[in-house]
């Protein structure tokens, strides 16, 4: 029964994350053919994941199912490797090699930098809170 409950939690999170991804894709639709929506969700997801894992989890002592809801469910469905791959292939197929190169570089390097920024922000926030608690005691 516990595994089914965990499945439902991830299912609900994935429903929300996938819906958000689709909505953002609609908001970022442009005629240039550049996949701004996919780039946006993948970069923001890369930033938010370490922030959730390293800061919010510790600060609010989140339960395992809450973490699964937010990470595997919501952010797992919000970010998308398959759409990234499909968008890359479409740019390749259309012969827009400069846009493809920019997209690949922005996604891979940008995602890595966003993950570092999320980790940095998590560590910075945790340190500030620790120091402020230490001052109070």
Protein backbone atom coordinates (compact mmCIF):
# COMPACT_ATOMS: atom_id res chain seq x y z
CA UNK A 1 0.00 0.00 0.00
CA UNK A 2 2.88 2.35 0.79
CA UNK A 3 4.32 1.94 -2.72
CA UNK A 4 0.93 2.77 -4.24
CA UNK A 5 0.68 5.91 -2.08
CA UNK A 6 4.18 6.94 -3.19
CA UNK A 7 3.16 6.31 -6.80
CA UNK A 8 0.12 8.57 -6.37
CA UNK A 9 2.22 11.33 -4.87
CA UNK A 10 4.65 11.23 -7.80
CA UNK A 11 1.73 10.98 -10.24
CA UNK A 12 0.13 14.15 -8.87
CA UNK A 13 3.46 15.99 -8.89
CA UNK A 14 4.15 14.88 -12.46
CA UNK A 15 0.69 16.02 -13.54
CA UNK A 16 1.37 19.48 -12.17
CA UNK A 17 4.93 19.63 -13.54
CA UNK A 18 3.92 18.43 -17.00
CA UNK A 19 1.05 20.92 -17.11
CA UNK A 20 3.37 23.75 -16.10
CA UNK A 21 5.84 22.72 -18.80
CA UNK A 22 3.10 22.72 -21.43
CA UNK A 23 1.82 26.12 -20.28
CA UNK A 24 5.30 27.61 -20.40
CA UNK A 25 5.79 26.12 -23.86
CA UNK A 26 2.64 27.96 -24.96
CA UNK A 27 3.81 31.22 -23.41
CA UNK A 28 7.22 31.01 -25.10
CA UNK A 29 6.00 30.01 -28.56
CA UNK A 30 7.75 32.16 -31.15
CA UNK A 31 7.92 32.07 -34.91
CA UNK A 32 11.73 31.82 -34.99
CA UNK A 33 11.60 28.09 -34.30
CA UNK A 34 13.97 28.38 -31.34
CA UNK A 35 12.71 26.25 -28.41
CA UNK A 36 12.67 28.98 -25.77
CA UNK A 37 10.06 27.21 -23.63
CA UNK A 38 12.06 23.98 -23.34
CA UNK A 39 15.24 25.92 -22.64
CA UNK A 40 13.47 27.92 -19.92
CA UNK A 41 11.99 24.90 -18.13
CA UNK A 42 15.23 22.93 -18.28
CA UNK A 43 17.32 25.82 -16.95
CA UNK A 44 14.88 26.74 -14.18
CA UNK A 45 14.54 23.07 -13.27
CA UNK A 46 18.32 22.72 -13.09
CA UNK A 47 18.36 25.70 -10.71
CA UNK A 48 15.43 24.60 -8.56
CA UNK A 49 16.38 20.95 -8.05
CA UNK A 50 19.49 21.54 -5.92
CA UNK A 51 17.73 24.38 -4.12
CA UNK A 52 14.90 22.01 -3.18
CA UNK A 53 17.17 19.16 -2.21
CA UNK A 54 19.83 21.09 -0.33
CA UNK A 55 17.89 23.91 1.26
CA UNK A 56 14.15 23.40 1.53
CA UNK A 57 14.48 19.75 2.47
CA UNK A 58 16.78 20.61 5.38
CA UNK A 59 15.02 23.83 6.43
CA UNK A 60 11.53 22.38 6.61
CA UNK A 61 12.54 18.78 7.40
CA UNK A 62 10.48 17.56 4.47
CA UNK A 63 9.26 14.00 4.50
CA UNK A 64 10.52 11.57 1.86
CA UNK A 65 7.18 11.61 0.00
CA UNK A 66 7.19 15.40 -0.15
CA UNK A 67 10.68 15.35 -1.63
CA UNK A 68 9.58 12.73 -4.18
CA UNK A 69 6.53 14.86 -5.04
CA UNK A 70 8.69 17.93 -5.66
CA UNK A 71 11.71 16.32 -7.31
CA UNK A 72 10.76 13.13 -9.15
CA UNK A 73 7.15 14.19 -9.71
CA UNK A 74 6.91 17.94 -10.25
CA UNK A 75 10.42 18.81 -11.44
CA UNK A 76 10.90 15.49 -13.22
CA UNK A 77 7.89 16.18 -15.41
CA UNK A 78 8.56 19.92 -15.59
CA UNK A 79 12.00 19.44 -17.10
CA UNK A 80 12.29 17.32 -20.18
CA UNK A 81 15.14 15.52 -21.86
CA UNK A 82 12.87 14.04 -24.50
CA UNK A 83 11.58 17.42 -25.67
CA UNK A 84 15.14 18.79 -25.58
CA UNK A 85 16.17 15.93 -27.87
CA UNK A 86 13.18 16.38 -30.18
CA UNK A 87 13.76 20.14 -30.40
CA UNK A 88 17.45 19.55 -31.13
CA UNK A 89 16.60 17.10 -33.88
CA UNK A 90 14.07 19.51 -35.39
CA UNK A 91 16.69 22.28 -35.51
CA UNK A 92 19.14 19.83 -37.08
CA UNK A 93 16.59 18.61 -39.61
CA UNK A 94 15.73 22.19 -40.59
CA UNK A 95 19.41 22.93 -41.19
CA UNK A 96 19.49 25.68 -38.55
CA UNK A 97 22.88 24.62 -37.28
CA UNK A 98 23.73 27.92 -35.58
CA UNK A 99 20.47 27.82 -33.61
CA UNK A 100 21.12 24.15 -32.84
CA UNK A 101 24.60 24.93 -31.53
CA UNK A 102 23.31 27.80 -29.41
CA UNK A 103 20.51 25.62 -28.05
CA UNK A 104 22.81 22.72 -27.20
CA UNK A 105 25.36 24.99 -25.55
CA UNK A 106 22.75 27.03 -23.68
CA UNK A 107 21.04 23.90 -22.39
CA UNK A 108 24.09 21.92 -21.36
CA UNK A 109 26.39 24.66 -20.09
CA UNK A 110 23.50 26.82 -18.90
CA UNK A 111 21.92 23.88 -17.06
CA UNK A 112 25.22 23.11 -15.34
CA UNK A 113 25.67 26.76 -14.34
CA UNK A 114 22.07 26.98 -13.10
CA UNK A 115 22.61 23.86 -10.97
CA UNK A 116 25.76 25.43 -9.50
CA UNK A 117 23.81 28.64 -8.82
CA UNK A 118 21.02 26.66 -7.12
CA UNK A 119 23.56 24.86 -4.95
CA UNK A 120 25.31 28.14 -4.13
CA UNK A 121 22.04 29.84 -3.20
CA UNK A 122 21.03 26.87 -1.02
CA UNK A 123 24.36 26.92 0.80
CA UNK A 124 24.26 30.71 1.16
CA UNK A 125 20.73 30.71 2.59
CA UNK A 126 21.54 27.86 4.97
CA UNK A 127 24.69 29.62 6.17
CA UNK A 128 22.84 32.89 6.77
CA UNK A 129 20.15 31.13 8.77
CA UNK A 130 22.71 29.22 10.78
CA UNK A 131 24.64 32.39 11.60
CA UNK A 132 21.49 34.30 12.55
CA UNK A 133 20.41 31.46 14.88
CA UNK A 134 23.89 31.39 16.38
CA UNK A 135 23.74 35.15 17.07
CA UNK A 136 20.36 34.78 18.77
CA UNK A 137 21.61 32.10 21.15
